[in-house]
Amino acid sequence: MEALVFILSLADCCGLIFLAVYFIITLSDLECDYINARACCSKLNKWVLPELIGHSAVSVLMLVSMHWFILLLNLPVAAWNFHRYLSVPSGNVGVFDPTEIHNRGLLKTHMKEAMIKLGFHLLCFFIYLYSMILALIND
């Protein structure tokens, strides 16, 4: 049972890593003017809710399986994702808004956030992989 929890977490984490890389590539395309702000924000806003659901699923999985350290590791990022999703100002298209992405350095902020998430998910990937191997050895 414990190995299955970490296999599912590992698969979810792989998806979140690919999503973080997609965010970085799309934001860098906007930064280099390969795409316009509307196209960039449209692409990224489609994936905000799946990212939120994916990260929340791992957190719930760790809560149910009583892996407290990993849950505490995931909670701040899950809370940040919920905060960003719920605090979108009225009138904005979504978390990524084409009219505001170039204002106040938001593009750089979004890029930093995507890089931090990529690093976090890579760290979690290796934690889940190590935990899965331990669970398979102990069974």
C-alpha atoms as a PDB file:
ATOM      1  CA  MET A   1       0.000   0.000   0.000  1.00  0.00           C
ATOM      2  CA  GLU A   2       2.757   2.432   0.940  1.00  0.00           C
ATOM      3  CA  ALA A   3       4.620   1.746  -2.309  1.00  0.00           C
ATOM      4  CA  LEU A   4       1.446   2.524  -4.291  1.00  0.00           C
ATOM      5  CA  VAL A   5       1.143   5.888  -2.525  1.00  0.00           C
ATOM      6  CA  PHE A   6       4.653   6.838  -3.581  1.00  0.00           C
ATOM      7  CA  ILE A   7       4.210   5.489  -7.116  1.00  0.00           C
ATOM      8  CA  LEU A   8       1.129   7.704  -7.541  1.00  0.00           C
ATOM      9  CA  SER A   9       2.971  10.648  -5.972  1.00  0.00           C
ATOM     10  CA  LEU A  10       5.913  10.068  -8.272  1.00  0.00           C
ATOM     11  CA  ALA A  11       3.680  10.017 -11.359  1.00  0.00           C
ATOM     12  CA  ASP A  12       1.903  13.188 -10.216  1.00  0.00           C
ATOM     13  CA  CYS A  13       5.224  14.848  -9.498  1.00  0.00           C
ATOM     14  CA  CYS A  14       6.451  14.021 -13.025  1.00  0.00           C
ATOM     15  CA  GLY A  15       3.392  15.770 -14.419  1.00  0.00           C
ATOM     16  CA  LEU A  16       4.030  18.801 -12.224  1.00  0.00           C
ATOM     17  CA  ILE A  17       7.675  18.923 -13.336  1.00  0.00           C
ATOM     18  CA  PHE A  18       6.629  18.922 -16.985  1.00  0.00           C
ATOM     19  CA  LEU A  19       4.065  21.620 -16.202  1.00  0.00           C
ATOM     20  CA  ALA A  20       6.693  23.795 -14.482  1.00  0.00           C
ATOM     21  CA  VAL A  21       8.996  23.421 -17.487  1.00  0.00           C
ATOM     22  CA  TYR A  22       6.089  24.348 -19.792  1.00  0.00           C
ATOM     23  CA  PHE A  23       5.446  27.489 -17.707  1.00  0.00           C
ATOM     24  CA  ILE A  24       9.135  28.451 -17.899  1.00  0.00           C
ATOM     25  CA  ILE A  25       9.309  27.915 -21.664  1.00  0.00           C
ATOM     26  CA  THR A  26       6.090  29.848 -22.320  1.00  0.00           C
ATOM     27  CA  LEU A  27       7.139  32.748 -20.092  1.00  0.00           C
ATOM     28  CA  SER A  28      10.567  32.893 -21.720  1.00  0.00           C
ATOM     29  CA  ASP A  29       8.880  32.947 -25.144  1.00  0.00           C
ATOM     30  CA  LEU A  30       6.903  35.977 -23.972  1.00  0.00           C
ATOM     31  CA  GLU A  31      10.050  37.590 -22.617  1.00  0.00           C
ATOM     32  CA  CYS A  32      11.792  37.153 -25.978  1.00  0.00           C
ATOM     33  CA  ASP A  33       8.703  38.388 -27.880  1.00  0.00           C
ATOM     34  CA  TYR A  34       8.148  35.109 -29.711  1.00  0.00           C
ATOM     35  CA  ILE A  35       4.492  35.173 -28.617  1.00  0.00           C
ATOM     36  CA  ASN A  36       2.249  37.997 -27.497  1.00  0.00           C
ATOM     37  CA  ALA A  37       0.919  38.492 -23.966  1.00  0.00           C
ATOM     38  CA  ARG A  38      -2.612  37.336 -24.795  1.00  0.00           C
ATOM     39  CA  ALA A  39      -1.448  34.016 -26.277  1.00  0.00           C
ATOM     40  CA  CYS A  40       0.970  33.415 -23.402  1.00  0.00           C
ATOM     41  CA  CYS A  41      -1.594  34.102 -20.685  1.00  0.00           C
ATOM     42  CA  SER A  42      -4.209  32.030 -22.471  1.00  0.00           C
ATOM     43  CA  LYS A  43      -1.836  29.056 -22.618  1.00  0.00           C
ATOM     44  CA  LEU A  44      -0.769  29.373 -18.988  1.00  0.00           C
ATOM     45  CA  ASN A  45      -4.214  30.001 -17.497  1.00  0.00           C
ATOM     46  CA  LYS A  46      -5.420  26.687 -18.953  1.00  0.00           C
ATOM     47  CA  TRP A  47      -2.939  24.857 -16.726  1.00  0.00           C
ATOM     48  CA  VAL A  48      -3.321  26.744 -13.429  1.00  0.00           C
ATOM     49  CA  LEU A  49      -6.272  24.654 -12.195  1.00  0.00           C
ATOM     50  CA  PRO A  50      -4.744  21.277 -13.212  1.00  0.00           C
ATOM     51  CA  GLU A  51      -1.548  22.304 -11.382  1.00  0.00           C
ATOM     52  CA  LEU A  52      -3.588  23.174  -8.310  1.00  0.00           C
ATOM     53  CA  ILE A  53      -5.468  19.864  -8.446  1.00  0.00           C
ATOM     54  CA  GLY A  54      -2.288  17.858  -9.021  1.00  0.00           C
ATOM     55  CA  HIS A  55      -0.477  19.415  -6.104  1.00  0.00           C
ATOM     56  CA  SER A  56      -3.514  19.128  -3.845  1.00  0.00           C
ATOM     57  CA  ALA A  57      -3.866  15.449  -4.760  1.00  0.00           C
ATOM     58  CA  VAL A  58      -0.335  14.737  -3.525  1.00  0.00           C
ATOM     59  CA  SER A  59      -1.027  16.644  -0.312  1.00  0.00           C
ATOM     60  CA  VAL A  60      -4.257  14.715   0.328  1.00  0.00           C
ATOM     61  CA  LEU A  61      -2.498  11.454  -0.492  1.00  0.00           C
ATOM     62  CA  MET A  62       0.207  12.207   2.081  1.00  0.00           C
ATOM     63  CA  LEU A  63      -2.424  13.200   4.649  1.00  0.00           C
ATOM     64  CA  VAL A  64      -4.389   9.991   4.166  1.00  0.00           C
ATOM     65  CA  SER A  65      -1.269   7.814   4.265  1.00  0.00           C
ATOM     66  CA  MET A  66       0.024   9.711   7.326  1.00  0.00           C
ATOM     67  CA  HIS A  67       3.378  10.816   5.921  1.00  0.00           C
ATOM     68  CA  TRP A  68       3.556  13.970   8.019  1.00  0.00           C
ATOM     69  CA  PHE A  69       6.975  15.271   6.968  1.00  0.00           C
ATOM     70  CA  ILE A  70       6.135  15.133   3.263  1.00  0.00           C
ATOM     71  CA  LEU A  71       2.724  16.660   3.966  1.00  0.00           C
ATOM     72  CA  LEU A  72       4.353  19.551   5.831  1.00  0.00           C
ATOM     73  CA  LEU A  73       6.778  19.947   2.933  1.00  0.00           C
ATOM     74  CA  ASN A  74       3.899  20.175   0.434  1.00  0.00           C
ATOM     75  CA  LEU A  75       1.472  22.358   2.405  1.00  0.00           C
ATOM     76  CA  PRO A  76       3.142  25.753   1.841  1.00  0.00           C
ATOM     77  CA  VAL A  77       3.235  25.275  -1.938  1.00  0.00           C
ATOM     78  CA  ALA A  78      -0.350  23.986  -1.998  1.00  0.00           C
ATOM     79  CA  ALA A  79      -1.463  26.950   0.124  1.00  0.00           C
ATOM     80  CA  TRP A  80       0.386  29.335  -2.213  1.00  0.00           C
ATOM     81  CA  ASN A  81      -1.328  27.796  -5.251  1.00  0.00           C
ATOM     82  CA  PHE A  82      -4.744  28.146  -3.591  1.00  0.00           C
ATOM     83  CA  HIS A  83      -3.982  31.730  -2.568  1.00  0.00           C
ATOM     84  CA  ARG A  84      -2.959  32.676  -6.115  1.00  0.00           C
ATOM     85  CA  TYR A  85      -5.992  30.985  -7.642  1.00  0.00           C
ATOM     86  CA  LEU A  86      -8.491  32.519  -5.211  1.00  0.00           C
ATOM     87  CA  SER A  87      -7.016  36.028  -5.128  1.00  0.00           C
ATOM     88  CA  VAL A  88      -7.377  36.867  -8.826  1.00  0.00           C
ATOM     89  CA  PRO A  89      -8.743  40.431  -8.974  1.00  0.00           C
ATOM     90  CA  SER A  90     -12.106  40.914 -10.623  1.00  0.00           C
ATOM     91  CA  GLY A  91     -11.700  41.949 -14.223  1.00  0.00           C
ATOM     92  CA  ASN A  92      -8.568  39.859 -14.749  1.00  0.00           C
ATOM     93  CA  VAL A  93      -8.652  36.930 -17.140  1.00  0.00           C
ATOM     94  CA  GLY A  94      -6.961  34.613 -14.652  1.00  0.00           C
ATOM     95  CA  VAL A  95      -3.776  34.264 -12.637  1.00  0.00           C
ATOM     96  CA  PHE A  96      -1.859  35.373 -15.723  1.00  0.00           C
ATOM     97  CA  ASP A  97      -3.450  38.536 -17.116  1.00  0.00           C
ATOM     98  CA  PRO A  98      -2.236  39.902 -20.468  1.00  0.00           C
ATOM     99  CA  THR A  99      -2.792  43.540 -19.502  1.00  0.00           C
ATOM    100  CA  GLU A 100      -0.739  43.284 -16.308  1.00  0.00           C
ATOM    101  CA  ILE A 101       1.964  40.734 -17.086  1.00  0.00           C
ATOM    102  CA  HIS A 102       4.445  43.393 -18.261  1.00  0.00           C
ATOM    103  CA  ASN A 103       3.548  45.854 -15.471  1.00  0.00           C
ATOM    104  CA  ARG A 104       5.375  45.998 -12.150  1.00  0.00           C
ATOM    105  CA  GLY A 105       7.823  43.268 -13.143  1.00  0.00           C
ATOM    106  CA  LEU A 106       5.183  40.522 -13.017  1.00  0.00           C
ATOM    107  CA  LEU A 107       6.860  38.622 -15.844  1.00  0.00           C
ATOM    108  CA  LYS A 108      10.063  38.278 -13.825  1.00  0.00           C
ATOM    109  CA  THR A 109       8.034  37.346 -10.734  1.00  0.00           C
ATOM    110  CA  HIS A 110       6.145  34.641 -12.612  1.00  0.00           C
ATOM    111  CA  MET A 111       9.418  33.348 -14.050  1.00  0.00           C
ATOM    112  CA  LYS A 112      11.019  33.165 -10.580  1.00  0.00           C
ATOM    113  CA  GLU A 113       7.965  31.397  -9.223  1.00  0.00           C
ATOM    114  CA  ALA A 114       8.066  28.827 -12.032  1.00  0.00           C
ATOM    115  CA  MET A 115      11.780  28.208 -11.387  1.00  0.00           C
ATOM    116  CA  ILE A 116      11.192  27.779  -7.657  1.00  0.00           C
ATOM    117  CA  LYS A 117       8.344  25.351  -8.332  1.00  0.00           C
ATOM    118  CA  LEU A 118      10.558  23.389 -10.719  1.00  0.00           C
ATOM    119  CA  GLY A 119      13.232  23.085  -8.049  1.00  0.00           C
ATOM    120  CA  PHE A 120      10.659  22.112  -5.438  1.00  0.00           C
ATOM    121  CA  HIS A 121       9.111  19.423  -7.646  1.00  0.00           C
ATOM    122  CA  LEU A 122      12.547  18.022  -8.513  1.00  0.00           C
ATOM    123  CA  LEU A 123      13.332  17.778  -4.805  1.00  0.00           C
ATOM    124  CA  CYS A 124       9.990  16.077  -4.185  1.00  0.00           C
ATOM    125  CA  PHE A 125      10.625  13.710  -7.105  1.00  0.00           C
ATOM    126  CA  PHE A 126      13.769  12.377  -5.460  1.00  0.00           C
ATOM    127  CA  ILE A 127      12.095  12.186  -2.042  1.00  0.00           C
ATOM    128  CA  TYR A 128       9.201  10.179  -3.521  1.00  0.00           C
ATOM    129  CA  LEU A 129      11.592   7.971  -5.471  1.00  0.00           C
ATOM    130  CA  TYR A 130      13.667   7.222  -2.375  1.00  0.00           C
ATOM    131  CA  SER A 131      10.530   6.585  -0.300  1.00  0.00           C
ATOM    132  CA  MET A 132       9.107   4.299  -2.995  1.00  0.00           C
ATOM    133  CA  ILE A 133      12.315   2.252  -3.111  1.00  0.00           C
ATOM    134  CA  LEU A 134      12.307   1.961   0.692  1.00  0.00           C
ATOM    135  CA  ALA A 135       8.671   0.884   0.672  1.00  0.00           C
ATOM    136  CA  LEU A 136       9.330  -1.743  -1.998  1.00  0.00           C
ATOM    137  CA  ILE A 137      12.360  -3.103  -0.124  1.00  0.00           C
ATOM    138  CA  ASN A 138      10.478  -3.304   3.185  1.00  0.00           C
ATOM    139  CA  ASP A 139       7.473  -5.142   1.706  1.00  0.00           C
END
